[in-house]
Amino acid sequence: MTFSEAQQRVGEWIKRYGVRYFSPLTNMAILTEEVGEVARIMARRYGEQSEKESDRNRDLGDELADVMWVLVCLANQTGVDLDEAFARNMAKKTERDATRHLQNEKLTTKT
């Protein structure tokens, strides 16, 4: 699925089931909440924090998809074409970082 297809599907879902989009500021707060849920899983499952029993059944993929959902909502609300924006962003990163990471001793030196 392309970003454009995701944007279309989310837009159709909102029209059919969601009544309307939440305001962009509300969606920004929701995005922050969803990113926090991803951070909680990462810190406990892959970081140094111990995982609580209540966290063990949390699905990282589902939480990442929640983040993507809200990002798509925000893009739809603000008129951002994510296919176009992502392609521009990849080109920017490729040009800017063509050799930067390859020359970073912290990344290339094994400890």
N, C-alpha and C. Protein backbone atom coordinates (compact mmCIF):
# COMPACT_ATOMS: atom_id res chain seq x y z
N MET A 1 0.85 -1.17 0.00
CA MET A 1 0.00 0.00 0.00
C MET A 1 0.90 1.24 0.00
N THR A 2 0.59 2.18 -0.85
CA THR A 2 1.32 3.44 -0.87
C THR A 2 0.79 4.36 0.22
N PHE A 3 1.53 5.42 0.49
CA PHE A 3 1.03 6.40 1.44
C PHE A 3 -0.27 7.01 0.92
N SER A 4 -0.33 7.29 -0.38
CA SER A 4 -1.55 7.87 -0.96
C SER A 4 -2.75 6.96 -0.77
N GLU A 5 -2.53 5.67 -0.95
CA GLU A 5 -3.62 4.71 -0.72
C GLU A 5 -4.02 4.70 0.75
N ALA A 6 -3.05 4.76 1.64
CA ALA A 6 -3.37 4.82 3.07
C ALA A 6 -4.15 6.09 3.39
N GLN A 7 -3.73 7.21 2.81
CA GLN A 7 -4.44 8.47 3.06
C GLN A 7 -5.88 8.38 2.57
N GLN A 8 -6.08 7.76 1.43
CA GLN A 8 -7.43 7.62 0.90
C GLN A 8 -8.27 6.70 1.79
N ARG A 9 -7.69 5.58 2.20
CA ARG A 9 -8.44 4.64 3.04
C ARG A 9 -8.80 5.24 4.39
N VAL A 10 -7.87 5.97 5.00
CA VAL A 10 -8.17 6.62 6.27
C VAL A 10 -9.27 7.66 6.08
N GLY A 11 -9.18 8.44 5.01
CA GLY A 11 -10.20 9.44 4.73
C GLY A 11 -11.58 8.81 4.57
N GLU A 12 -11.64 7.69 3.85
CA GLU A 12 -12.91 6.99 3.67
C GLU A 12 -13.42 6.44 4.99
N TRP A 13 -12.52 5.91 5.82
CA TRP A 13 -12.92 5.37 7.12
C TRP A 13 -13.51 6.47 8.00
N ILE A 14 -12.82 7.62 8.00
CA ILE A 14 -13.30 8.75 8.81
C ILE A 14 -14.71 9.15 8.37
N LYS A 15 -14.94 9.24 7.08
CA LYS A 15 -16.27 9.61 6.57
C LYS A 15 -17.33 8.60 6.97
N ARG A 16 -16.96 7.33 6.92
CA ARG A 16 -17.95 6.27 7.19
C ARG A 16 -18.17 6.02 8.67
N TYR A 17 -17.09 5.99 9.45
CA TYR A 17 -17.20 5.57 10.85
C TYR A 17 -16.83 6.65 11.86
N GLY A 18 -16.03 7.60 11.46
CA GLY A 18 -15.45 8.51 12.43
C GLY A 18 -16.19 9.83 12.60
N VAL A 19 -17.23 10.05 11.85
CA VAL A 19 -18.01 11.28 11.85
C VAL A 19 -17.20 12.42 11.23
N ARG A 20 -16.06 12.77 11.83
CA ARG A 20 -15.16 13.80 11.30
C ARG A 20 -13.79 13.60 11.95
N TYR A 21 -12.81 14.26 11.38
CA TYR A 21 -11.49 14.25 12.01
C TYR A 21 -11.55 15.02 13.32
N PHE A 22 -10.75 14.60 14.30
CA PHE A 22 -10.51 15.43 15.46
C PHE A 22 -9.74 16.66 14.96
N SER A 23 -9.70 17.71 15.74
CA SER A 23 -8.94 18.89 15.32
C SER A 23 -7.47 18.51 15.18
N PRO A 24 -6.71 19.25 14.36
CA PRO A 24 -5.28 18.96 14.24
C PRO A 24 -4.55 19.01 15.58
N LEU A 25 -4.93 19.92 16.46
CA LEU A 25 -4.26 19.98 17.75
C LEU A 25 -4.60 18.77 18.62
N THR A 26 -5.84 18.31 18.56
CA THR A 26 -6.21 17.09 19.27
C THR A 26 -5.44 15.91 18.71
N ASN A 27 -5.35 15.83 17.38
CA ASN A 27 -4.60 14.73 16.76
C ASN A 27 -3.12 14.80 17.12
N MET A 28 -2.58 16.00 17.29
CA MET A 28 -1.18 16.12 17.72
C MET A 28 -1.01 15.55 19.12
N ALA A 29 -1.95 15.82 20.00
CA ALA A 29 -1.89 15.26 21.35
C ALA A 29 -2.03 13.75 21.31
N ILE A 30 -2.92 13.25 20.46
CA ILE A 30 -3.09 11.80 20.32
C ILE A 30 -1.82 11.17 19.77
N LEU A 31 -1.18 11.82 18.81
CA LEU A 31 0.09 11.32 18.26
C LEU A 31 1.13 11.19 19.37
N THR A 32 1.21 12.19 20.21
CA THR A 32 2.16 12.16 21.32
C THR A 32 1.87 10.98 22.24
N GLU A 33 0.60 10.75 22.52
CA GLU A 33 0.20 9.62 23.35
C GLU A 33 0.60 8.29 22.71
N GLU A 34 0.34 8.16 21.41
CA GLU A 34 0.66 6.91 20.71
C GLU A 34 2.17 6.68 20.66
N VAL A 35 2.94 7.72 20.43
CA VAL A 35 4.41 7.58 20.43
C VAL A 35 4.88 7.17 21.81
N GLY A 36 4.24 7.68 22.84
CA GLY A 36 4.57 7.28 24.21
C GLY A 36 4.34 5.79 24.44
N GLU A 37 3.28 5.25 23.84
CA GLU A 37 3.02 3.82 23.98
C GLU A 37 4.09 3.00 23.28
N VAL A 38 4.57 3.47 22.13
CA VAL A 38 5.68 2.80 21.45
C VAL A 38 6.93 2.88 22.32
N ALA A 39 7.19 4.06 22.88
CA ALA A 39 8.37 4.25 23.74
C ALA A 39 8.33 3.32 24.94
N ARG A 40 7.16 3.14 25.52
CA ARG A 40 7.02 2.26 26.69
C ARG A 40 7.43 0.83 26.33
N ILE A 41 6.94 0.34 25.20
CA ILE A 41 7.31 -1.01 24.77
C ILE A 41 8.81 -1.11 24.50
N MET A 42 9.36 -0.13 23.80
CA MET A 42 10.77 -0.16 23.45
C MET A 42 11.65 -0.13 24.70
N ALA A 43 11.31 0.73 25.66
CA ALA A 43 12.11 0.86 26.88
C ALA A 43 12.09 -0.42 27.70
N ARG A 44 10.94 -1.08 27.72
CA ARG A 44 10.80 -2.27 28.56
C ARG A 44 11.23 -3.54 27.84
N ARG A 45 10.97 -3.64 26.57
CA ARG A 45 11.28 -4.86 25.85
C ARG A 45 12.70 -4.87 25.31
N TYR A 46 13.19 -3.72 24.90
CA TYR A 46 14.51 -3.65 24.26
C TYR A 46 15.51 -2.81 25.05
N GLY A 47 15.04 -2.08 26.04
CA GLY A 47 15.92 -1.24 26.86
C GLY A 47 16.18 -1.88 28.20
N GLU A 48 16.62 -1.07 29.13
CA GLU A 48 17.01 -1.57 30.44
C GLU A 48 15.85 -1.72 31.43
N GLN A 49 14.72 -1.08 31.17
CA GLN A 49 13.59 -1.23 32.10
C GLN A 49 13.04 -2.65 32.05
N SER A 50 12.59 -3.13 33.20
CA SER A 50 11.97 -4.45 33.22
C SER A 50 10.54 -4.33 32.70
N GLU A 51 10.11 -5.35 31.99
CA GLU A 51 8.77 -5.36 31.40
C GLU A 51 7.77 -5.78 32.45
N LYS A 52 6.73 -4.98 32.60
CA LYS A 52 5.66 -5.32 33.53
C LYS A 52 4.77 -6.38 32.88
N GLU A 53 4.12 -7.15 33.72
CA GLU A 53 3.21 -8.19 33.21
C GLU A 53 2.16 -7.59 32.27
N SER A 54 1.67 -6.41 32.62
CA SER A 54 0.64 -5.78 31.79
C SER A 54 1.16 -5.34 30.42
N ASP A 55 2.49 -5.25 30.27
CA ASP A 55 3.08 -4.84 28.99
C ASP A 55 3.42 -6.02 28.08
N ARG A 56 3.48 -7.21 28.63
CA ARG A 56 3.98 -8.36 27.87
C ARG A 56 3.17 -8.69 26.62
N ASN A 57 1.89 -8.43 26.64
CA ASN A 57 1.05 -8.76 25.50
C ASN A 57 0.82 -7.58 24.56
N ARG A 58 1.51 -6.47 24.80
CA ARG A 58 1.38 -5.30 23.92
C ARG A 58 2.03 -5.63 22.59
N ASP A 59 1.36 -5.27 21.52
CA ASP A 59 1.81 -5.55 20.16
C ASP A 59 2.50 -4.31 19.60
N LEU A 60 3.82 -4.37 19.45
CA LEU A 60 4.58 -3.24 18.94
C LEU A 60 4.09 -2.84 17.56
N GLY A 61 3.82 -3.80 16.70
CA GLY A 61 3.32 -3.49 15.35
C GLY A 61 2.02 -2.71 15.39
N ASP A 62 1.12 -3.11 16.28
CA ASP A 62 -0.16 -2.41 16.41
C ASP A 62 0.06 -0.98 16.90
N GLU A 63 0.97 -0.81 17.84
CA GLU A 63 1.24 0.53 18.37
C GLU A 63 1.90 1.41 17.30
N LEU A 64 2.80 0.84 16.50
CA LEU A 64 3.40 1.60 15.40
C LEU A 64 2.33 1.98 14.37
N ALA A 65 1.40 1.06 14.11
CA ALA A 65 0.31 1.36 13.18
C ALA A 65 -0.59 2.47 13.72
N ASP A 66 -0.78 2.52 15.03
CA ASP A 66 -1.54 3.63 15.62
C ASP A 66 -0.85 4.96 15.35
N VAL A 67 0.48 4.98 15.47
CA VAL A 67 1.24 6.19 15.17
C VAL A 67 1.04 6.57 13.69
N MET A 68 1.15 5.59 12.82
CA MET A 68 0.97 5.86 11.39
C MET A 68 -0.43 6.39 11.09
N TRP A 69 -1.44 5.81 11.74
CA TRP A 69 -2.83 6.24 11.54
C TRP A 69 -2.97 7.74 11.83
N VAL A 70 -2.46 8.17 12.98
CA VAL A 70 -2.61 9.57 13.36
C VAL A 70 -1.78 10.46 12.44
N LEU A 71 -0.60 10.01 12.02
CA LEU A 71 0.19 10.78 11.06
C LEU A 71 -0.57 10.97 9.75
N VAL A 72 -1.23 9.91 9.30
CA VAL A 72 -2.03 10.00 8.07
C VAL A 72 -3.18 10.97 8.27
N CYS A 73 -3.83 10.91 9.41
CA CYS A 73 -4.91 11.87 9.70
C CYS A 73 -4.39 13.30 9.62
N LEU A 74 -3.26 13.56 10.25
CA LEU A 74 -2.69 14.90 10.22
C LEU A 74 -2.33 15.33 8.80
N ALA A 75 -1.78 14.42 8.01
CA ALA A 75 -1.45 14.73 6.62
C ALA A 75 -2.72 15.08 5.85
N ASN A 76 -3.76 14.28 6.03
CA ASN A 76 -5.02 14.55 5.33
C ASN A 76 -5.59 15.90 5.73
N GLN A 77 -5.54 16.21 7.00
CA GLN A 77 -6.11 17.46 7.50
C GLN A 77 -5.36 18.69 7.03
N THR A 78 -4.07 18.54 6.78
CA THR A 78 -3.24 19.69 6.43
C THR A 78 -2.85 19.72 4.96
N GLY A 79 -3.39 18.78 4.17
CA GLY A 79 -3.15 18.79 2.74
C GLY A 79 -1.78 18.31 2.31
N VAL A 80 -1.15 17.49 3.14
CA VAL A 80 0.18 16.95 2.80
C VAL A 80 0.02 15.64 2.04
N ASP A 81 0.65 15.55 0.87
CA ASP A 81 0.71 14.31 0.10
C ASP A 81 1.92 13.54 0.61
N LEU A 82 1.69 12.48 1.37
CA LEU A 82 2.79 11.76 2.02
C LEU A 82 3.71 11.06 1.02
N ASP A 83 3.20 10.59 -0.11
CA ASP A 83 4.08 9.99 -1.12
C ASP A 83 5.10 11.02 -1.58
N GLU A 84 4.61 12.21 -1.91
CA GLU A 84 5.46 13.29 -2.38
C GLU A 84 6.42 13.75 -1.28
N ALA A 85 5.90 13.96 -0.09
CA ALA A 85 6.72 14.44 1.02
C ALA A 85 7.80 13.44 1.39
N PHE A 86 7.46 12.15 1.40
CA PHE A 86 8.44 11.14 1.76
C PHE A 86 9.53 11.03 0.70
N ALA A 87 9.14 11.10 -0.57
CA ALA A 87 10.14 11.05 -1.65
C ALA A 87 11.11 12.23 -1.55
N ARG A 88 10.58 13.43 -1.29
CA ARG A 88 11.45 14.60 -1.11
C ARG A 88 12.36 14.43 0.09
N ASN A 89 11.83 13.87 1.16
CA ASN A 89 12.60 13.70 2.39
C ASN A 89 13.73 12.69 2.17
N MET A 90 13.44 11.60 1.46
CA MET A 90 14.48 10.60 1.17
C MET A 90 15.59 11.21 0.32
N ALA A 91 15.19 12.01 -0.68
CA ALA A 91 16.20 12.66 -1.53
C ALA A 91 17.06 13.62 -0.71
N LYS A 92 16.44 14.37 0.19
CA LYS A 92 17.18 15.30 1.05
C LYS A 92 18.18 14.56 1.92
N LYS A 93 17.71 13.48 2.55
CA LYS A 93 18.59 12.70 3.43
C LYS A 93 19.73 12.07 2.64
N THR A 94 19.43 11.57 1.46
CA THR A 94 20.45 10.92 0.64
C THR A 94 21.53 11.91 0.24
N GLU A 95 21.11 13.09 -0.17
CA GLU A 95 22.08 14.11 -0.56
C GLU A 95 22.89 14.59 0.64
N ARG A 96 22.21 14.90 1.72
CA ARG A 96 22.87 15.45 2.91
C ARG A 96 23.79 14.43 3.59
N ASP A 97 23.37 13.18 3.62
CA ASP A 97 24.07 12.16 4.40
C ASP A 97 24.78 11.11 3.55
N ALA A 98 25.08 11.44 2.29
CA ALA A 98 25.67 10.46 1.37
C ALA A 98 26.92 9.80 1.94
N THR A 99 27.73 10.55 2.66
CA THR A 99 28.96 9.97 3.22
C THR A 99 29.06 10.15 4.73
N ARG A 100 28.19 10.96 5.31
CA ARG A 100 28.30 11.31 6.73
C ARG A 100 28.35 10.09 7.63
N HIS A 101 27.42 9.16 7.47
CA HIS A 101 27.37 7.99 8.35
C HIS A 101 28.49 7.00 8.04
N LEU A 102 28.85 6.92 6.77
CA LEU A 102 29.94 6.03 6.38
C LEU A 102 31.26 6.48 6.99
N GLN A 103 31.39 7.76 7.26
CA GLN A 103 32.62 8.31 7.83
C GLN A 103 32.54 8.47 9.35
N ASN A 104 31.47 8.05 9.95
CA ASN A 104 31.30 8.18 11.39
C ASN A 104 31.97 7.01 12.10
N GLU A 105 33.06 7.28 12.79
CA GLU A 105 33.81 6.22 13.46
C GLU A 105 32.97 5.51 14.52
N LYS A 106 32.02 6.25 15.12
CA LYS A 106 31.17 5.63 16.14
C LYS A 106 30.29 4.54 15.54
N LEU A 107 30.00 4.64 14.25
CA LEU A 107 29.18 3.62 13.59
C LEU A 107 30.01 2.54 12.92
N THR A 108 31.20 2.89 12.48
CA THR A 108 32.00 1.95 11.70
C THR A 108 33.05 1.19 12.50
N THR A 109 33.35 1.66 13.71
CA THR A 109 34.34 0.99 14.54
C THR A 109 33.64 0.04 15.49
N LYS A 110 34.08 -1.22 15.46
CA LYS A 110 33.50 -2.20 16.38
C LYS A 110 34.19 -2.08 17.73
N THR A 111 33.38 -2.20 18.78
CA THR A 111 33.95 -2.10 20.12
C THR A 111 34.08 -3.46 20.76
